[in-house]
Amino acid sequence: MSDTTTELEAAAFRRLLQHLNTRADVQNIDLMILAGFCRNCLSDWYREAAEERGIAMSKDEAREHVYGEPFAQWKAKHQKDATPEQLAAFDATKKNHP
């Protein structure tokens, strides 16, 4: 992979994080239902990429990078309890999640 490709992919990832941070109204469960991934998935993938390169990173550190603040703070400010409808939709789509 060329340096340019890596730079473009990194820029796109930063833009995705920026977009998700401006759309805190979109709940993780909604992302999971519609796209099969959420902010937590992104943070897991980020941590796994770091570990593949020999960089130790905790789950909390990765989540803070993705959420732009400690996860507990983000959750207290933005996360709502899932509705019964959301839970049912999530269960129906679980087989499609990585």
N, C-alpha and C. Protein backbone atom coordinates (compact mmCIF):
# COMPACT_ATOMS: atom_id res chain seq x y z
N MET A 1 0.85 -1.17 0.00
CA MET A 1 0.00 0.00 0.00
C MET A 1 0.89 1.23 0.00
N SER A 2 0.55 2.19 -0.82
CA SER A 2 1.37 3.39 -0.93
C SER A 2 1.12 4.34 0.24
N ASP A 3 2.06 5.23 0.47
CA ASP A 3 1.90 6.24 1.52
C ASP A 3 0.67 7.10 1.25
N THR A 4 0.44 7.39 -0.02
CA THR A 4 -0.71 8.22 -0.38
C THR A 4 -2.01 7.53 -0.01
N THR A 5 -2.11 6.24 -0.30
CA THR A 5 -3.31 5.49 0.05
C THR A 5 -3.52 5.51 1.55
N THR A 6 -2.47 5.27 2.30
CA THR A 6 -2.56 5.29 3.76
C THR A 6 -3.00 6.65 4.26
N GLU A 7 -2.45 7.71 3.69
CA GLU A 7 -2.83 9.07 4.10
C GLU A 7 -4.29 9.35 3.77
N LEU A 8 -4.76 8.91 2.62
CA LEU A 8 -6.16 9.12 2.24
C LEU A 8 -7.10 8.34 3.16
N GLU A 9 -6.73 7.10 3.45
CA GLU A 9 -7.55 6.29 4.34
C GLU A 9 -7.59 6.90 5.74
N ALA A 10 -6.45 7.39 6.21
CA ALA A 10 -6.40 8.03 7.53
C ALA A 10 -7.26 9.29 7.55
N ALA A 11 -7.22 10.07 6.48
CA ALA A 11 -8.04 11.29 6.40
C ALA A 11 -9.52 10.92 6.40
N ALA A 12 -9.88 9.88 5.67
CA ALA A 12 -11.28 9.45 5.63
C ALA A 12 -11.73 8.97 7.01
N PHE A 13 -10.87 8.25 7.73
CA PHE A 13 -11.19 7.78 9.07
C PHE A 13 -11.39 8.97 10.02
N ARG A 14 -10.49 9.95 9.94
CA ARG A 14 -10.65 11.14 10.79
C ARG A 14 -11.95 11.85 10.48
N ARG A 15 -12.30 11.92 9.20
CA ARG A 15 -13.56 12.56 8.81
C ARG A 15 -14.76 11.78 9.34
N LEU A 16 -14.69 10.46 9.29
CA LEU A 16 -15.77 9.63 9.84
C LEU A 16 -15.93 9.90 11.33
N LEU A 17 -14.84 9.94 12.08
CA LEU A 17 -14.91 10.23 13.51
C LEU A 17 -15.50 11.62 13.75
N GLN A 18 -15.08 12.59 12.97
CA GLN A 18 -15.60 13.94 13.11
C GLN A 18 -17.11 13.94 12.85
N HIS A 19 -17.53 13.25 11.81
CA HIS A 19 -18.95 13.19 11.48
C HIS A 19 -19.74 12.52 12.60
N LEU A 20 -19.24 11.39 13.10
CA LEU A 20 -19.94 10.71 14.18
C LEU A 20 -20.02 11.58 15.43
N ASN A 21 -18.98 12.36 15.69
CA ASN A 21 -18.99 13.25 16.86
C ASN A 21 -19.99 14.39 16.70
N THR A 22 -20.28 14.79 15.47
CA THR A 22 -21.29 15.82 15.27
C THR A 22 -22.69 15.22 15.28
N ARG A 23 -22.78 13.90 15.20
CA ARG A 23 -24.07 13.22 15.19
C ARG A 23 -24.22 12.32 16.41
N ALA A 24 -23.96 12.89 17.57
CA ALA A 24 -24.09 12.14 18.81
C ALA A 24 -25.52 11.70 19.05
N ASP A 25 -26.47 12.31 18.32
CA ASP A 25 -27.87 11.90 18.42
C ASP A 25 -28.11 10.52 17.84
N VAL A 26 -27.23 10.08 16.98
CA VAL A 26 -27.36 8.75 16.38
C VAL A 26 -26.80 7.74 17.37
N GLN A 27 -27.66 6.88 17.85
CA GLN A 27 -27.28 5.91 18.87
C GLN A 27 -26.50 4.75 18.26
N ASN A 28 -25.61 4.16 19.05
CA ASN A 28 -24.84 3.02 18.58
C ASN A 28 -25.73 1.88 18.12
N ILE A 29 -26.82 1.64 18.83
CA ILE A 29 -27.70 0.54 18.43
C ILE A 29 -28.29 0.79 17.05
N ASP A 30 -28.58 2.06 16.73
CA ASP A 30 -29.09 2.38 15.40
C ASP A 30 -28.03 2.11 14.33
N LEU A 31 -26.79 2.47 14.63
CA LEU A 31 -25.70 2.16 13.70
C LEU A 31 -25.56 0.65 13.50
N MET A 32 -25.65 -0.10 14.59
CA MET A 32 -25.54 -1.56 14.49
C MET A 32 -26.68 -2.14 13.65
N ILE A 33 -27.88 -1.65 13.85
CA ILE A 33 -29.03 -2.16 13.10
C ILE A 33 -28.86 -1.87 11.61
N LEU A 34 -28.47 -0.65 11.29
CA LEU A 34 -28.41 -0.24 9.89
C LEU A 34 -27.11 -0.63 9.17
N ALA A 35 -26.00 -0.54 9.88
CA ALA A 35 -24.71 -0.73 9.22
C ALA A 35 -23.92 -1.94 9.70
N GLY A 36 -24.32 -2.51 10.83
CA GLY A 36 -23.59 -3.66 11.34
C GLY A 36 -22.32 -3.32 12.09
N PHE A 37 -22.11 -2.03 12.38
CA PHE A 37 -20.98 -1.61 13.21
C PHE A 37 -21.38 -0.33 13.91
N CYS A 38 -20.61 0.00 14.96
CA CYS A 38 -20.90 1.22 15.71
C CYS A 38 -19.58 1.83 16.18
N ARG A 39 -19.68 2.84 16.99
CA ARG A 39 -18.48 3.51 17.51
C ARG A 39 -17.62 2.53 18.31
N ASN A 40 -18.25 1.64 19.06
CA ASN A 40 -17.47 0.66 19.83
C ASN A 40 -16.71 -0.27 18.90
N CYS A 41 -17.32 -0.67 17.80
CA CYS A 41 -16.63 -1.50 16.82
C CYS A 41 -15.40 -0.77 16.28
N LEU A 42 -15.58 0.50 15.92
CA LEU A 42 -14.46 1.30 15.42
C LEU A 42 -13.33 1.35 16.45
N SER A 43 -13.69 1.54 17.70
CA SER A 43 -12.64 1.61 18.73
C SER A 43 -11.95 0.25 18.89
N ASP A 44 -12.70 -0.84 18.77
CA ASP A 44 -12.08 -2.17 18.83
C ASP A 44 -11.12 -2.37 17.66
N TRP A 45 -11.54 -1.97 16.47
CA TRP A 45 -10.69 -2.11 15.29
C TRP A 45 -9.43 -1.25 15.42
N TYR A 46 -9.58 -0.06 15.98
CA TYR A 46 -8.46 0.84 16.20
C TYR A 46 -7.45 0.21 17.17
N ARG A 47 -7.98 -0.33 18.27
CA ARG A 47 -7.12 -0.99 19.27
C ARG A 47 -6.42 -2.20 18.68
N GLU A 48 -7.15 -3.00 17.92
CA GLU A 48 -6.56 -4.18 17.29
C GLU A 48 -5.44 -3.79 16.32
N ALA A 49 -5.65 -2.71 15.56
CA ALA A 49 -4.62 -2.24 14.63
C ALA A 49 -3.37 -1.80 15.40
N ALA A 50 -3.58 -1.14 16.53
CA ALA A 50 -2.45 -0.72 17.36
C ALA A 50 -1.69 -1.93 17.88
N GLU A 51 -2.43 -2.91 18.38
CA GLU A 51 -1.79 -4.10 18.94
C GLU A 51 -1.05 -4.90 17.86
N GLU A 52 -1.57 -4.93 16.64
CA GLU A 52 -0.88 -5.61 15.54
C GLU A 52 0.47 -4.96 15.24
N ARG A 53 0.61 -3.70 15.62
CA ARG A 53 1.85 -2.97 15.41
C ARG A 53 2.69 -2.88 16.67
N GLY A 54 2.33 -3.67 17.67
CA GLY A 54 3.09 -3.72 18.92
C GLY A 54 2.84 -2.55 19.85
N ILE A 55 1.74 -1.84 19.64
CA ILE A 55 1.40 -0.69 20.49
C ILE A 55 0.32 -1.12 21.47
N ALA A 56 0.65 -1.08 22.74
CA ALA A 56 -0.33 -1.44 23.77
C ALA A 56 -1.37 -0.33 23.88
N MET A 57 -2.63 -0.73 23.86
CA MET A 57 -3.70 0.24 23.98
C MET A 57 -4.86 -0.43 24.70
N SER A 58 -5.39 0.25 25.68
CA SER A 58 -6.52 -0.29 26.41
C SER A 58 -7.81 -0.01 25.64
N LYS A 59 -8.84 -0.74 26.02
CA LYS A 59 -10.17 -0.52 25.45
C LYS A 59 -10.62 0.92 25.71
N ASP A 60 -10.38 1.41 26.92
CA ASP A 60 -10.77 2.78 27.28
C ASP A 60 -10.01 3.82 26.45
N GLU A 61 -8.73 3.59 26.23
CA GLU A 61 -7.94 4.53 25.41
C GLU A 61 -8.46 4.57 23.98
N ALA A 62 -8.77 3.42 23.43
CA ALA A 62 -9.28 3.36 22.06
C ALA A 62 -10.65 4.03 21.97
N ARG A 63 -11.49 3.79 22.94
CA ARG A 63 -12.81 4.42 22.92
C ARG A 63 -12.69 5.93 23.05
N GLU A 64 -11.79 6.40 23.88
CA GLU A 64 -11.62 7.84 24.02
C GLU A 64 -11.19 8.46 22.70
N HIS A 65 -10.36 7.76 21.96
CA HIS A 65 -9.93 8.26 20.64
C HIS A 65 -11.13 8.37 19.70
N VAL A 66 -11.95 7.36 19.68
CA VAL A 66 -13.10 7.35 18.77
C VAL A 66 -14.19 8.32 19.23
N TYR A 67 -14.49 8.34 20.50
CA TYR A 67 -15.57 9.18 21.02
C TYR A 67 -15.16 10.64 21.22
N GLY A 68 -13.85 10.90 21.27
CA GLY A 68 -13.39 12.27 21.47
C GLY A 68 -13.41 12.73 22.91
N GLU A 69 -13.72 11.81 23.81
CA GLU A 69 -13.75 12.07 25.24
C GLU A 69 -13.87 10.70 25.92
N PRO A 70 -13.64 10.64 27.22
CA PRO A 70 -13.82 9.35 27.90
C PRO A 70 -15.23 8.80 27.64
N PHE A 71 -15.30 7.51 27.38
CA PHE A 71 -16.55 6.87 27.00
C PHE A 71 -17.65 7.11 28.04
N ALA A 72 -17.29 7.04 29.33
CA ALA A 72 -18.30 7.23 30.37
C ALA A 72 -18.94 8.62 30.27
N GLN A 73 -18.14 9.62 29.96
CA GLN A 73 -18.68 10.97 29.79
C GLN A 73 -19.62 11.03 28.59
N TRP A 74 -19.17 10.48 27.45
CA TRP A 74 -19.99 10.48 26.24
C TRP A 74 -21.30 9.76 26.49
N LYS A 75 -21.20 8.61 27.13
CA LYS A 75 -22.39 7.80 27.40
C LYS A 75 -23.37 8.55 28.29
N ALA A 76 -22.88 9.23 29.33
CA ALA A 76 -23.75 9.97 30.23
C ALA A 76 -24.44 11.12 29.51
N LYS A 77 -23.75 11.74 28.56
CA LYS A 77 -24.32 12.88 27.85
C LYS A 77 -25.26 12.48 26.71
N HIS A 78 -24.96 11.35 26.03
CA HIS A 78 -25.63 11.08 24.77
C HIS A 78 -26.40 9.77 24.67
N GLN A 79 -25.99 8.75 25.39
CA GLN A 79 -26.59 7.44 25.17
C GLN A 79 -27.92 7.31 25.91
N LYS A 80 -28.90 6.83 25.19
CA LYS A 80 -30.22 6.58 25.76
C LYS A 80 -30.43 5.08 25.86
N ASP A 81 -31.35 4.69 26.71
CA ASP A 81 -31.70 3.27 26.79
C ASP A 81 -32.34 2.84 25.47
N ALA A 82 -31.99 1.66 25.04
CA ALA A 82 -32.58 1.14 23.80
C ALA A 82 -34.06 0.86 24.02
N THR A 83 -34.83 1.15 23.00
CA THR A 83 -36.27 0.87 23.07
C THR A 83 -36.50 -0.60 22.76
N PRO A 84 -37.65 -1.12 23.13
CA PRO A 84 -37.97 -2.50 22.76
C PRO A 84 -37.91 -2.72 21.24
N GLU A 85 -38.32 -1.71 20.48
CA GLU A 85 -38.26 -1.82 19.01
C GLU A 85 -36.82 -1.90 18.52
N GLN A 86 -35.94 -1.09 19.10
CA GLN A 86 -34.53 -1.14 18.72
C GLN A 86 -33.92 -2.50 19.06
N LEU A 87 -34.22 -2.99 20.24
CA LEU A 87 -33.68 -4.30 20.65
C LEU A 87 -34.17 -5.41 19.73
N ALA A 88 -35.43 -5.37 19.34
CA ALA A 88 -35.97 -6.38 18.43
C ALA A 88 -35.30 -6.28 17.07
N ALA A 89 -35.11 -5.06 16.57
CA ALA A 89 -34.45 -4.88 15.27
C ALA A 89 -33.00 -5.34 15.34
N PHE A 90 -32.33 -5.05 16.45
CA PHE A 90 -30.95 -5.49 16.63
C PHE A 90 -30.87 -7.02 16.63
N ASP A 91 -31.74 -7.66 17.38
CA ASP A 91 -31.75 -9.13 17.42
C ASP A 91 -31.98 -9.71 16.03
N ALA A 92 -32.84 -9.08 15.25
CA ALA A 92 -33.14 -9.57 13.90
C ALA A 92 -31.96 -9.43 12.95
N THR A 93 -31.05 -8.50 13.24
CA THR A 93 -29.91 -8.27 12.33
C THR A 93 -28.60 -8.83 12.88
N LYS A 94 -28.60 -9.43 14.05
CA LYS A 94 -27.37 -9.91 14.70
C LYS A 94 -26.53 -10.81 13.78
N LYS A 95 -27.18 -11.63 13.00
CA LYS A 95 -26.44 -12.58 12.17
C LYS A 95 -25.57 -11.87 11.13
N ASN A 96 -25.86 -10.62 10.86
CA ASN A 96 -25.11 -9.85 9.87
C ASN A 96 -23.92 -9.10 10.46
N HIS A 97 -23.74 -9.18 11.77
CA HIS A 97 -22.67 -8.42 12.43
C HIS A 97 -21.40 -9.25 12.51
N PRO A 98 -20.28 -8.54 12.40
CA PRO A 98 -18.98 -9.26 12.48
C PRO A 98 -18.72 -9.83 13.85
